[in-house]
C-alpha atoms as a PDB file:
ATOM      1  CA  UNK A   1       3.089  -9.518  36.225  1.00  0.00           C
ATOM      2  CA  UNK A   2       3.338 -13.052  34.878  1.00  0.00           C
ATOM      3  CA  UNK A   3      -0.427 -13.127  34.361  1.00  0.00           C
ATOM      4  CA  UNK A   4      -0.232 -10.086  32.095  1.00  0.00           C
ATOM      5  CA  UNK A   5       2.696 -11.574  30.191  1.00  0.00           C
ATOM      6  CA  UNK A   6       0.867 -14.832  29.523  1.00  0.00           C
ATOM      7  CA  UNK A   7      -2.254 -12.918  28.493  1.00  0.00           C
ATOM      8  CA  UNK A   8      -0.210 -11.046  25.878  1.00  0.00           C
ATOM      9  CA  UNK A   9       1.324 -14.315  24.659  1.00  0.00           C
ATOM     10  CA  UNK A  10      -2.121 -15.919  24.354  1.00  0.00           C
ATOM     11  CA  UNK A  11      -3.445 -12.928  22.427  1.00  0.00           C
ATOM     12  CA  UNK A  12      -0.479 -12.999  20.045  1.00  0.00           C
ATOM     13  CA  UNK A  13      -0.914 -16.738  19.446  1.00  0.00           C
ATOM     14  CA  UNK A  14      -4.604 -16.180  18.726  1.00  0.00           C
ATOM     15  CA  UNK A  15      -3.775 -13.446  16.220  1.00  0.00           C
ATOM     16  CA  UNK A  16      -1.146 -15.688  14.656  1.00  0.00           C
ATOM     17  CA  UNK A  17      -3.729 -18.464  14.298  1.00  0.00           C
ATOM     18  CA  UNK A  18      -6.060 -16.074  12.468  1.00  0.00           C
ATOM     19  CA  UNK A  19      -3.168 -15.035  10.217  1.00  0.00           C
ATOM     20  CA  UNK A  20      -2.382 -18.659   9.386  1.00  0.00           C
ATOM     21  CA  UNK A  21      -6.049 -19.529   8.807  1.00  0.00           C
ATOM     22  CA  UNK A  22      -6.536 -16.585   6.419  1.00  0.00           C
ATOM     23  CA  UNK A  23      -4.078 -17.861   3.773  1.00  0.00           C
ATOM     24  CA  UNK A  24      -6.584 -18.609   1.005  1.00  0.00           C
ATOM     25  CA  UNK A  25      -8.493 -15.404   1.522  1.00  0.00           C
ATOM     26  CA  UNK A  26      -5.252 -13.426   1.385  1.00  0.00           C
ATOM     27  CA  UNK A  27      -4.268 -15.198  -1.834  1.00  0.00           C
ATOM     28  CA  UNK A  28      -7.593 -14.287  -3.469  1.00  0.00           C
ATOM     29  CA  UNK A  29      -7.242 -10.723  -2.232  1.00  0.00           C
ATOM     30  CA  UNK A  30      -3.699 -10.432  -3.627  1.00  0.00           C
ATOM     31  CA  UNK A  31      -4.865 -11.681  -7.015  1.00  0.00           C
ATOM     32  CA  UNK A  32      -7.505  -8.941  -7.090  1.00  0.00           C
ATOM     33  CA  UNK A  33      -4.940  -6.309  -6.097  1.00  0.00           C
ATOM     34  CA  UNK A  34      -2.577  -7.602  -8.784  1.00  0.00           C
ATOM     35  CA  UNK A  35      -5.266  -7.283 -11.451  1.00  0.00           C
ATOM     36  CA  UNK A  36      -6.112  -3.790 -10.247  1.00  0.00           C
ATOM     37  CA  UNK A  37      -2.545  -2.463 -10.032  1.00  0.00           C
ATOM     38  CA  UNK A  38      -0.760  -4.424 -12.737  1.00  0.00           C
ATOM     39  CA  UNK A  39      -3.415  -5.933 -14.985  1.00  0.00           C
ATOM     40  CA  UNK A  40      -4.470  -9.535 -15.283  1.00  0.00           C
ATOM     41  CA  UNK A  41      -3.305  -9.676 -18.901  1.00  0.00           C
ATOM     42  CA  UNK A  42      -0.235  -7.561 -18.228  1.00  0.00           C
ATOM     43  CA  UNK A  43       1.442  -6.069 -21.285  1.00  0.00           C
ATOM     44  CA  UNK A  44       4.459  -4.899 -19.326  1.00  0.00           C
ATOM     45  CA  UNK A  45       7.819  -5.832 -20.790  1.00  0.00           C
ATOM     46  CA  UNK A  46       9.734  -6.021 -17.501  1.00  0.00           C
ATOM     47  CA  UNK A  47       9.591  -5.361 -13.788  1.00  0.00           C
ATOM     48  CA  UNK A  48      12.124  -2.896 -12.369  1.00  0.00           C
ATOM     49  CA  UNK A  49      12.532  -2.279  -8.650  1.00  0.00           C
ATOM     50  CA  UNK A  50      14.460   0.907  -7.840  1.00  0.00           C
ATOM     51  CA  UNK A  51      15.933   0.946  -4.334  1.00  0.00           C
ATOM     52  CA  UNK A  52      18.573   2.946  -2.506  1.00  0.00           C
ATOM     53  CA  UNK A  53      20.370   0.327  -0.419  1.00  0.00           C
ATOM     54  CA  UNK A  54      20.955  -3.419  -0.200  1.00  0.00           C
ATOM     55  CA  UNK A  55      18.224  -4.793   2.108  1.00  0.00           C
ATOM     56  CA  UNK A  56      15.563  -2.290   0.913  1.00  0.00           C
ATOM     57  CA  UNK A  57      14.264  -5.038  -1.373  1.00  0.00           C
ATOM     58  CA  UNK A  58      13.300  -7.269   1.547  1.00  0.00           C
ATOM     59  CA  UNK A  59      12.831  -4.732   4.365  1.00  0.00           C
ATOM     60  CA  UNK A  60      10.259  -2.735   2.379  1.00  0.00           C
ATOM     61  CA  UNK A  61       9.203  -4.503  -0.837  1.00  0.00           C
ATOM     62  CA  UNK A  62       9.057  -8.223  -0.026  1.00  0.00           C
ATOM     63  CA  UNK A  63       5.223  -8.424   0.078  1.00  0.00           C
ATOM     64  CA  UNK A  64       5.050  -6.947  -3.437  1.00  0.00           C
ATOM     65  CA  UNK A  65       7.931  -8.927  -4.920  1.00  0.00           C
ATOM     66  CA  UNK A  66       6.488 -12.195  -3.659  1.00  0.00           C
ATOM     67  CA  UNK A  67       3.061 -11.489  -5.180  1.00  0.00           C
ATOM     68  CA  UNK A  68       4.503 -10.366  -8.516  1.00  0.00           C
ATOM     69  CA  UNK A  69       6.938 -13.274  -8.667  1.00  0.00           C
ATOM     70  CA  UNK A  70       3.994 -15.658  -8.303  1.00  0.00           C
ATOM     71  CA  UNK A  71       1.741 -13.924 -10.840  1.00  0.00           C
ATOM     72  CA  UNK A  72       3.803 -12.327 -13.615  1.00  0.00           C
ATOM     73  CA  UNK A  73       4.741 -14.506 -16.621  1.00  0.00           C
ATOM     74  CA  UNK A  74       7.913 -16.526 -16.168  1.00  0.00           C
ATOM     75  CA  UNK A  75       9.455 -14.938 -19.281  1.00  0.00           C
ATOM     76  CA  UNK A  76       9.199 -11.406 -17.916  1.00  0.00           C
ATOM     77  CA  UNK A  77      12.592  -9.972 -16.925  1.00  0.00           C
ATOM     78  CA  UNK A  78      12.974  -8.871 -13.311  1.00  0.00           C
ATOM     79  CA  UNK A  79      15.461  -6.081 -12.730  1.00  0.00           C
ATOM     80  CA  UNK A  80      16.642  -4.559  -9.454  1.00  0.00           C
ATOM     81  CA  UNK A  81      18.482  -1.237  -9.605  1.00  0.00           C
ATOM     82  CA  UNK A  82      20.186  -0.380  -6.331  1.00  0.00           C
ATOM     83  CA  UNK A  83      21.468   3.180  -6.516  1.00  0.00           C
ATOM     84  CA  UNK A  84      24.152   2.742  -3.826  1.00  0.00           C
ATOM     85  CA  UNK A  85      26.161  -0.185  -2.510  1.00  0.00           C
ATOM     86  CA  UNK A  86      25.196   0.700   1.055  1.00  0.00           C
ATOM     87  CA  UNK A  87      28.801   1.573   1.738  1.00  0.00           C
ATOM     88  CA  UNK A  88      28.332   4.353   4.294  1.00  0.00           C
ATOM     89  CA  UNK A  89      30.061   2.152   6.892  1.00  0.00           C
ATOM     90  CA  UNK A  90      32.668   0.746   4.520  1.00  0.00           C
ATOM     91  CA  UNK A  91      30.781  -2.482   3.788  1.00  0.00           C
ATOM     92  CA  UNK A  92      29.941  -1.827   0.140  1.00  0.00           C
ATOM     93  CA  UNK A  93      31.401  -4.994  -1.369  1.00  0.00           C
ATOM     94  CA  UNK A  94      29.891  -7.201   1.330  1.00  0.00           C
ATOM     95  CA  UNK A  95      26.484  -5.619   0.991  1.00  0.00           C
ATOM     96  CA  UNK A  96      26.491  -6.062  -2.802  1.00  0.00           C
ATOM     97  CA  UNK A  97      27.052  -9.782  -2.275  1.00  0.00           C
ATOM     98  CA  UNK A  98      24.337  -9.897   0.389  1.00  0.00           C
ATOM     99  CA  UNK A  99      21.853  -8.252  -1.961  1.00  0.00           C
ATOM    100  CA  UNK A 100      22.595 -10.757  -4.713  1.00  0.00           C
ATOM    101  CA  UNK A 101      22.090 -13.640  -2.284  1.00  0.00           C
ATOM    102  CA  UNK A 102      18.875 -12.173  -0.893  1.00  0.00           C
ATOM    103  CA  UNK A 103      17.367 -11.868  -4.375  1.00  0.00           C
ATOM    104  CA  UNK A 104      18.199 -15.503  -5.129  1.00  0.00           C
ATOM    105  CA  UNK A 105      16.421 -16.541  -1.936  1.00  0.00           C
ATOM    106  CA  UNK A 106      13.454 -14.198  -2.286  1.00  0.00           C
ATOM    107  CA  UNK A 107      12.552 -14.358  -5.992  1.00  0.00           C
ATOM    108  CA  UNK A 108      12.225 -17.997  -7.014  1.00  0.00           C
ATOM    109  CA  UNK A 109      10.211 -17.945 -10.259  1.00  0.00           C
ATOM    110  CA  UNK A 110      12.168 -15.331 -12.234  1.00  0.00           C
ATOM    111  CA  UNK A 111      15.779 -14.623 -13.039  1.00  0.00           C
ATOM    112  CA  UNK A 112      16.765 -11.279 -11.547  1.00  0.00           C
ATOM    113  CA  UNK A 113      19.263  -8.886 -13.102  1.00  0.00           C
ATOM    114  CA  UNK A 114      20.963  -6.754 -10.471  1.00  0.00           C
ATOM    115  CA  UNK A 115      22.493  -3.367 -11.237  1.00  0.00           C
ATOM    116  CA  UNK A 116      24.304  -1.479  -8.464  1.00  0.00           C
ATOM    117  CA  UNK A 117      25.047   2.194  -9.188  1.00  0.00           C
ATOM    118  CA  UNK A 118      27.683   4.306  -7.484  1.00  0.00           C
ATOM    119  CA  UNK A 119      25.694   7.128  -5.931  1.00  0.00           C
ATOM    120  CA  UNK A 120      26.738   8.072  -2.408  1.00  0.00           C
ATOM    121  CA  UNK A 121      25.001   6.351   0.497  1.00  0.00           C
ATOM    122  CA  UNK A 122      24.038   8.641   3.350  1.00  0.00           C
ATOM    123  CA  UNK A 123      21.157  10.157   5.292  1.00  0.00           C
ATOM    124  CA  UNK A 124      22.352  13.648   4.337  1.00  0.00           C
ATOM    125  CA  UNK A 125      23.126  12.932   0.683  1.00  0.00           C
ATOM    126  CA  UNK A 126      21.003  14.748  -1.896  1.00  0.00           C
ATOM    127  CA  UNK A 127      21.653  13.248  -5.306  1.00  0.00           C
ATOM    128  CA  UNK A 128      21.657  15.086  -8.619  1.00  0.00           C
ATOM    129  CA  UNK A 129      18.282  13.907  -9.916  1.00  0.00           C
ATOM    130  CA  UNK A 130      19.231  14.498 -13.543  1.00  0.00           C
ATOM    131  CA  UNK A 131      22.173  12.123 -13.094  1.00  0.00           C
ATOM    132  CA  UNK A 132      20.024   9.509 -11.365  1.00  0.00           C
ATOM    133  CA  UNK A 133      17.330   9.755 -14.030  1.00  0.00           C
ATOM    134  CA  UNK A 134      19.961   9.416 -16.774  1.00  0.00           C
ATOM    135  CA  UNK A 135      21.433   6.338 -15.091  1.00  0.00           C
ATOM    136  CA  UNK A 136      18.020   4.742 -14.769  1.00  0.00           C
ATOM    137  CA  UNK A 137      17.322   5.543 -18.416  1.00  0.00           C
ATOM    138  CA  UNK A 138      20.489   3.674 -19.408  1.00  0.00           C
ATOM    139  CA  UNK A 139      19.361   0.594 -17.494  1.00  0.00           C
ATOM    140  CA  UNK A 140      15.616   0.586 -18.211  1.00  0.00           C
ATOM    141  CA  UNK A 141      15.424   0.564 -21.998  1.00  0.00           C
ATOM    142  CA  UNK A 142      12.434  -1.655 -22.801  1.00  0.00           C
ATOM    143  CA  UNK A 143       9.157  -0.226 -24.050  1.00  0.00           C
ATOM    144  CA  UNK A 144       6.689  -0.786 -21.202  1.00  0.00           C
ATOM    145  CA  UNK A 145       8.449  -1.560 -17.937  1.00  0.00           C
ATOM    146  CA  UNK A 146       6.578  -1.643 -14.658  1.00  0.00           C
ATOM    147  CA  UNK A 147       8.605   0.292 -12.084  1.00  0.00           C
ATOM    148  CA  UNK A 148       8.408  -0.086  -8.299  1.00  0.00           C
ATOM    149  CA  UNK A 149       9.975   2.316  -5.831  1.00  0.00           C
ATOM    150  CA  UNK A 150       9.412   4.448  -2.742  1.00  0.00           C
ATOM    151  CA  UNK A 151       7.066   7.434  -2.716  1.00  0.00           C
ATOM    152  CA  UNK A 152       8.156  11.038  -2.242  1.00  0.00           C
ATOM    153  CA  UNK A 153       8.261  10.633   1.563  1.00  0.00           C
ATOM    154  CA  UNK A 154      10.584   7.655   1.302  1.00  0.00           C
ATOM    155  CA  UNK A 155       8.878   5.612   4.088  1.00  0.00           C
ATOM    156  CA  UNK A 156      11.306   6.866   6.737  1.00  0.00           C
ATOM    157  CA  UNK A 157      12.140  10.250   5.233  1.00  0.00           C
ATOM    158  CA  UNK A 158      15.543   8.955   4.117  1.00  0.00           C
ATOM    159  CA  UNK A 159      16.905  11.285   1.441  1.00  0.00           C
ATOM    160  CA  UNK A 160      18.211   8.379  -0.633  1.00  0.00           C
ATOM    161  CA  UNK A 161      14.745   6.780  -0.673  1.00  0.00           C
ATOM    162  CA  UNK A 162      13.187  10.086  -1.695  1.00  0.00           C
ATOM    163  CA  UNK A 163      15.773  10.403  -4.465  1.00  0.00           C
ATOM    164  CA  UNK A 164      14.629   7.045  -5.860  1.00  0.00           C
ATOM    165  CA  UNK A 165      11.044   8.288  -6.062  1.00  0.00           C
ATOM    166  CA  UNK A 166      11.834  11.645  -7.640  1.00  0.00           C
ATOM    167  CA  UNK A 167      14.148  10.157 -10.263  1.00  0.00           C
ATOM    168  CA  UNK A 168      11.814   7.262 -11.138  1.00  0.00           C
ATOM    169  CA  UNK A 169       8.938   9.698 -11.614  1.00  0.00           C
ATOM    170  CA  UNK A 170      10.965  11.391 -14.357  1.00  0.00           C
ATOM    171  CA  UNK A 171      11.255   8.192 -16.399  1.00  0.00           C
ATOM    172  CA  UNK A 172       7.699   8.464 -17.692  1.00  0.00           C
ATOM    173  CA  UNK A 173       6.891   4.766 -17.224  1.00  0.00           C
ATOM    174  CA  UNK A 174       4.078   3.250 -15.202  1.00  0.00           C
ATOM    175  CA  UNK A 175       5.342   3.361 -11.635  1.00  0.00           C
ATOM    176  CA  UNK A 176       3.945   1.997  -8.391  1.00  0.00           C
ATOM    177  CA  UNK A 177       5.068   4.158  -5.474  1.00  0.00           C
ATOM    178  CA  UNK A 178       5.134   2.432  -2.084  1.00  0.00           C
ATOM    179  CA  UNK A 179       2.921   4.494   0.194  1.00  0.00           C
ATOM    180  CA  UNK A 180       4.586   5.946   3.286  1.00  0.00           C
ATOM    181  CA  UNK A 181       2.513   5.479   6.411  1.00  0.00           C
ATOM    182  CA  UNK A 182       2.349   8.619   8.547  1.00  0.00           C
ATOM    183  CA  UNK A 183       0.316   7.113  11.376  1.00  0.00           C
ATOM    184  CA  UNK A 184       2.770   5.427  13.750  1.00  0.00           C
ATOM    185  CA  UNK A 185       0.159   3.020  15.095  1.00  0.00           C
ATOM    186  CA  UNK A 186      -0.540   1.775  11.585  1.00  0.00           C
ATOM    187  CA  UNK A 187       3.153   1.778  10.646  1.00  0.00           C
ATOM    188  CA  UNK A 188       3.901  -0.567  13.541  1.00  0.00           C
ATOM    189  CA  UNK A 189       0.675  -2.575  13.560  1.00  0.00           C
ATOM    190  CA  UNK A 190       2.491  -5.670  12.222  1.00  0.00           C
ATOM    191  CA  UNK A 191      -0.024  -7.844  10.314  1.00  0.00           C
ATOM    192  CA  UNK A 192      -3.129  -7.223  12.409  1.00  0.00           C
ATOM    193  CA  UNK A 193      -4.910  -4.332  10.687  1.00  0.00           C
ATOM    194  CA  UNK A 194      -4.337  -5.479   7.114  1.00  0.00           C
ATOM    195  CA  UNK A 195      -5.164  -9.141   7.710  1.00  0.00           C
ATOM    196  CA  UNK A 196      -8.291  -8.316   9.699  1.00  0.00           C
ATOM    197  CA  UNK A 197      -9.474  -5.871   7.032  1.00  0.00           C
ATOM    198  CA  UNK A 198      -9.159  -8.606   4.406  1.00  0.00           C
ATOM    199  CA  UNK A 199     -10.784 -11.311   6.524  1.00  0.00           C
ATOM    200  CA  UNK A 200     -13.445  -9.437   8.483  1.00  0.00           C
ATOM    201  CA  UNK A 201     -13.868  -5.992   6.934  1.00  0.00           C
ATOM    202  CA  UNK A 202     -13.547  -4.167   3.639  1.00  0.00           C
ATOM    203  CA  UNK A 203     -10.407  -5.401   1.855  1.00  0.00           C
ATOM    204  CA  UNK A 204      -7.966  -2.579   1.069  1.00  0.00           C
ATOM    205  CA  UNK A 205      -8.013  -2.260  -2.746  1.00  0.00           C
ATOM    206  CA  UNK A 206      -4.335  -1.478  -3.361  1.00  0.00           C
ATOM    207  CA  UNK A 207      -2.543  -3.349  -0.577  1.00  0.00           C
ATOM    208  CA  UNK A 208      -0.578  -6.552  -1.102  1.00  0.00           C
ATOM    209  CA  UNK A 209      -0.616  -8.643   2.095  1.00  0.00           C
ATOM    210  CA  UNK A 210       1.803 -11.533   2.561  1.00  0.00           C
ATOM    211  CA  UNK A 211       0.534 -14.834   3.860  1.00  0.00           C
ATOM    212  CA  UNK A 212       2.267 -16.141   6.966  1.00  0.00           C
ATOM    213  CA  UNK A 213       4.358 -18.477   4.797  1.00  0.00           C
ATOM    214  CA  UNK A 214       5.408 -15.570   2.569  1.00  0.00           C
ATOM    215  CA  UNK A 215       6.342 -13.454   5.573  1.00  0.00           C
ATOM    216  CA  UNK A 216       8.531 -16.276   6.906  1.00  0.00           C
ATOM    217  CA  UNK A 217      10.048 -16.696   3.429  1.00  0.00           C
ATOM    218  CA  UNK A 218      11.062 -13.021   3.415  1.00  0.00           C
ATOM    219  CA  UNK A 219      12.368 -13.197   6.980  1.00  0.00           C
ATOM    220  CA  UNK A 220      14.591 -16.154   6.103  1.00  0.00           C
ATOM    221  CA  UNK A 221      15.949 -14.260   3.077  1.00  0.00           C
ATOM    222  CA  UNK A 222      16.799 -11.311   5.323  1.00  0.00           C
ATOM    223  CA  UNK A 223      18.406 -13.334   8.103  1.00  0.00           C
ATOM    224  CA  UNK A 224      20.399 -15.651   5.849  1.00  0.00           C
ATOM    225  CA  UNK A 225      21.531 -13.104   3.251  1.00  0.00           C
ATOM    226  CA  UNK A 226      21.799  -9.743   5.006  1.00  0.00           C
ATOM    227  CA  UNK A 227      23.813 -10.905   7.993  1.00  0.00           C
ATOM    228  CA  UNK A 228      25.714  -7.638   8.330  1.00  0.00           C
ATOM    229  CA  UNK A 229      22.421  -5.803   8.862  1.00  0.00           C
ATOM    230  CA  UNK A 230      20.790  -8.107  11.416  1.00  0.00           C
ATOM    231  CA  UNK A 231      21.488  -5.980  14.473  1.00  0.00           C
ATOM    232  CA  UNK A 232      19.102  -6.106  17.426  1.00  0.00           C
ATOM    233  CA  UNK A 233      16.652  -3.389  16.336  1.00  0.00           C
ATOM    234  CA  UNK A 234      16.074  -5.081  12.966  1.00  0.00           C
ATOM    235  CA  UNK A 235      14.375  -7.925  14.830  1.00  0.00           C
ATOM    236  CA  UNK A 236      11.908  -5.380  16.185  1.00  0.00           C
ATOM    237  CA  UNK A 237      11.267  -4.184  12.620  1.00  0.00           C
ATOM    238  CA  UNK A 238      10.547  -7.725  11.498  1.00  0.00           C
ATOM    239  CA  UNK A 239       8.056  -8.243  14.303  1.00  0.00           C
ATOM    240  CA  UNK A 240       6.225  -4.922  14.314  1.00  0.00           C
ATOM    241  CA  UNK A 241       6.633  -3.092  11.000  1.00  0.00           C
ATOM    242  CA  UNK A 242       3.707  -3.138   8.615  1.00  0.00           C
ATOM    243  CA  UNK A 243       6.074  -3.062   5.620  1.00  0.00           C
ATOM    244  CA  UNK A 244       7.310  -6.626   6.101  1.00  0.00           C
ATOM    245  CA  UNK A 245       3.708  -7.882   6.002  1.00  0.00           C
ATOM    246  CA  UNK A 246       1.924  -5.492   3.632  1.00  0.00           C
ATOM    247  CA  UNK A 247       2.655  -2.954   0.898  1.00  0.00           C
ATOM    248  CA  UNK A 248       0.184  -0.216  -0.001  1.00  0.00           C
ATOM    249  CA  UNK A 249       0.216   1.747  -3.278  1.00  0.00           C
END
């Protein structure tokens, strides 16, 4: 029993060493993905992340935000639109404050404007998409914004996530939709598949992959800022979920 345990620990440490060693290759890869998805001489007038709940920004989009924060011009406005305050359990005010703190910790090179809308938080809530689109239109008024949000499957099938995708698609701006992973093995492959594809195989052309330092940066932002959400199963997410290490579009 103990032999098997130590074998697993040794394997994990070996994989972690490969992850640490691959930093420069991951940085070059992320620059290529940035140029492919965003454009090396980006003419975008802002970056807008549309999320459903406080903690979506770090639980799902941290790999992207960290790459864009490092590569987009310092003058470019960063905007986060959170369509609910995450108040399904009566913690709306607290979670607003946690989101603001998390953004300060996560995005270091840009000032971030946070807008929190008042749509209802809930797994069974279907929003009026015309209302959501109108609200987004009031907040995103510049000429060529780059929009980030979930795709139509919403990663976990959450109706609020899906609402973000459907409303953002109606804006008519360039939008990057975070790809939902249907294969459970890939969804919970932590960093292994993406890092090994970059280092030893054919690099995925539209996948941002955090370096180990960037992953730890995002984890600290989550743990320090979103304290109300750090229940036991979130630790499992931060170990195993692909989304905290890599984002595919």
